[in-house]
């Protein structure tokens, strides 16, 4: 069944035409905001690569009190970091880690990593370790090169997890804090411009952010000095070894004369 098109009498055209125009204009205006919103969304910049982030993989509720956790409150264990609701919960967790860990991270995700996040060594193919070691940290099970790497993974859990989940990250491994000049604290890191930077305390984070570029540059300078000192030490040891070998040859020659 086809509908016949209504024919508008010519006498009504002066009345109908403005109404039609008004309807079309209204429809256009109604669509405009969504189009503008779409353009705004498209124009929104992606998260800045220069953003300073404290990486965290928290359990949602405190395993002691069952309350929501604070990412500023936590205790480090052989299974990594357990987040809590108040400082009083630390004693309970440390007195019996196993059940509190299981309550915090009831499920385990197996990460099929092909590179050790501690040593950077390949875990598959030629030269791979025969028996890689499994490590469990904060609900994630993964492989490391050997037992020594496993111990280091637990000791340095937050940086290990960061590198495990983003292998492109470069660990500056600065031994002193770029903000305070003091020794860095265990498991106190930020991720900035694709680099893991270590700090002396979580309390210096705001100071780091005040001039993040300068802070990062300082951390890189600290790393460069560490590398330079290591090279100098290795050169001195080589020279000492060569000197001792030379003395041995010389002494043997005298003995034969």
Foldseek 3Di string as FASTA:
>chain_A
DDDDDDDDDPVCCVVVVVVVVVVVVVVVVVVVVVVVVVVVVVPDDDPDLQDKAQDDDAQQAQLPPRHGFDPVAWDADLQGIYTYNDPVCRVVCVVPVVVRLCSRQVAADEQEDQAALQPRHGCDDPPHAPDWDWGHHSRYIYTHRDVVSNVVCSQQVSSSVVCSVPVQAAELPQQAFLQPRHGFDTNAWIAGSRYIATHNDVVCVVVCVVCVVSRVVSSNVSSVVVVVVVVVVVVVVVVVVVVVVVVVVVVVVVVVD
